[in-house]
Amino acid sequence: IPPERSCSHAYIEPHWCACLDWEKIDLSSKIVQRLADTFIDTVNRYTSEQRYLCSLLKVAKIEWVTKMKPNEQLVKFNKNADIDGFVADLSANTNVPTHTYQIKLST
């Protein structure tokens, strides 16, 4: 399967598509420093017993941050509006209670 393949290439209706988009987050956003600090604190705690081998890490530079964004039509899907599942009732507003981020940084 080619990496650029999408749901539409596979003839999957948009409301059934579980593909995720990654939204770029502005580096000046408040969440960015919190993410970096949380990541570094986690790694430093994980390696604390090996401190004689591993230096205490500090953020040198944050390269980029992205946030996983679910397919809009999947979140709005309520039920099938037809018997075959090709037509969707998009009247729902499903809450997505957790957020997943990717961060690239250097120490």
Protein backbone atom coordinates (compact mmCIF):
# COMPACT_ATOMS: atom_id res chain seq x y z
CA ILE A 1 0.00 0.00 0.00
CA PRO A 2 1.58 3.31 -1.02
CA PRO A 3 2.11 5.79 1.86
CA GLU A 4 0.16 8.52 0.04
CA ARG A 5 -2.95 6.33 -0.22
CA SER A 6 -6.01 7.95 1.32
CA CYS A 7 -9.50 6.77 2.24
CA SER A 8 -10.87 8.16 -1.02
CA HIS A 9 -8.29 6.09 -2.97
CA ALA A 10 -9.63 3.01 -1.18
CA TYR A 11 -13.27 4.06 -1.81
CA ILE A 12 -13.92 4.53 1.90
CA GLU A 13 -16.65 7.07 2.61
CA PRO A 14 -15.37 10.18 4.50
CA HIS A 15 -17.49 9.44 7.57
CA TRP A 16 -15.87 5.97 7.90
CA CYS A 17 -12.31 7.24 7.38
CA ALA A 18 -10.19 6.80 10.50
CA CYS A 19 -7.18 8.60 9.00
CA LEU A 20 -5.70 11.29 11.20
CA ASP A 21 -4.21 14.63 10.30
CA TRP A 22 -1.37 16.32 12.13
CA GLU A 23 -1.88 20.01 12.81
CA LYS A 24 1.26 22.16 13.24
CA ILE A 25 1.35 24.05 16.53
CA ASP A 26 2.89 27.52 16.67
CA LEU A 27 6.08 27.36 18.74
CA SER A 28 4.96 30.45 20.68
CA SER A 29 1.86 28.58 21.93
CA LYS A 30 1.73 28.07 25.72
CA ILE A 31 1.40 24.30 25.35
CA VAL A 32 4.73 23.93 23.55
CA GLN A 33 6.99 24.71 26.53
CA ARG A 34 4.78 22.56 28.77
CA LEU A 35 5.15 19.62 26.37
CA ALA A 36 8.92 20.04 26.19
CA ASP A 37 9.26 20.31 29.98
CA THR A 38 7.05 17.28 30.56
CA PHE A 39 9.01 15.20 28.05
CA ILE A 40 12.41 16.18 29.49
CA ASP A 41 11.20 15.64 33.09
CA THR A 42 9.91 12.18 32.13
CA VAL A 43 13.19 11.16 30.50
CA ASN A 44 15.21 12.58 33.41
CA ARG A 45 13.08 10.65 35.94
CA TYR A 46 13.34 7.48 33.85
CA THR A 47 17.15 7.73 33.75
CA SER A 48 17.62 9.00 37.33
CA GLU A 49 19.01 5.69 38.65
CA GLN A 50 21.60 5.77 35.89
CA ARG A 51 22.60 9.41 36.43
CA TYR A 52 26.27 8.37 36.71
CA LEU A 53 25.94 7.26 33.06
CA CYS A 54 23.36 9.73 31.77
CA SER A 55 23.54 13.50 32.02
CA LEU A 56 20.58 15.52 33.19
CA LEU A 57 18.84 16.69 30.03
CA LYS A 58 17.78 20.26 29.26
CA VAL A 59 15.94 21.55 26.20
CA ALA A 60 18.32 23.28 23.78
CA LYS A 61 15.88 23.86 20.93
CA ILE A 62 12.30 22.97 20.01
CA GLU A 63 12.14 22.17 16.29
CA TRP A 64 8.41 21.53 15.81
CA VAL A 65 5.23 20.38 17.52
CA THR A 66 2.17 18.76 15.93
CA LYS A 67 -1.19 17.75 17.35
CA MET A 68 -3.16 14.75 16.10
CA LYS A 69 -6.48 15.83 14.66
CA PRO A 70 -9.22 13.26 14.00
CA ASN A 71 -11.18 13.27 10.76
CA GLU A 72 -13.90 15.95 11.10
CA GLN A 73 -16.60 13.78 9.50
CA LEU A 74 -15.76 10.84 11.75
CA VAL A 75 -16.21 13.04 14.83
CA LYS A 76 -19.55 14.34 13.50
CA PHE A 77 -20.86 10.89 12.48
CA ASN A 78 -24.11 10.04 14.28
CA LYS A 79 -25.57 7.15 12.29
CA ASN A 80 -26.18 5.87 8.79
CA ALA A 81 -28.81 7.87 6.95
CA ASP A 82 -29.34 5.04 4.47
CA ILE A 83 -29.35 1.25 4.62
CA ASP A 84 -25.98 0.83 2.83
CA GLY A 85 -23.92 3.22 4.97
CA PHE A 86 -22.99 5.49 2.07
CA VAL A 87 -24.97 8.47 3.36
CA ALA A 88 -24.16 9.73 6.82
CA ASP A 89 -26.10 11.65 9.41
CA LEU A 90 -23.40 14.09 10.55
CA SER A 91 -25.36 15.67 13.39
CA ALA A 92 -23.19 14.40 16.26
CA ASN A 93 -20.45 16.35 17.96
CA THR A 94 -18.31 13.65 19.56
CA ASN A 95 -16.04 14.97 22.28
CA VAL A 96 -12.39 14.00 21.88
CA PRO A 97 -11.22 14.09 25.52
CA THR A 98 -7.52 13.43 24.95
CA HIS A 99 -4.96 15.08 22.71
CA THR A 100 -1.86 13.47 21.23
CA TYR A 101 1.17 15.57 20.36
CA GLN A 102 4.47 14.95 18.61
CA ILE A 103 7.45 17.07 19.51
CA LYS A 104 10.90 17.27 18.00
CA LEU A 105 13.51 18.88 20.18
CA SER A 106 17.21 18.79 20.83
CA THR A 107 19.00 18.69 24.14
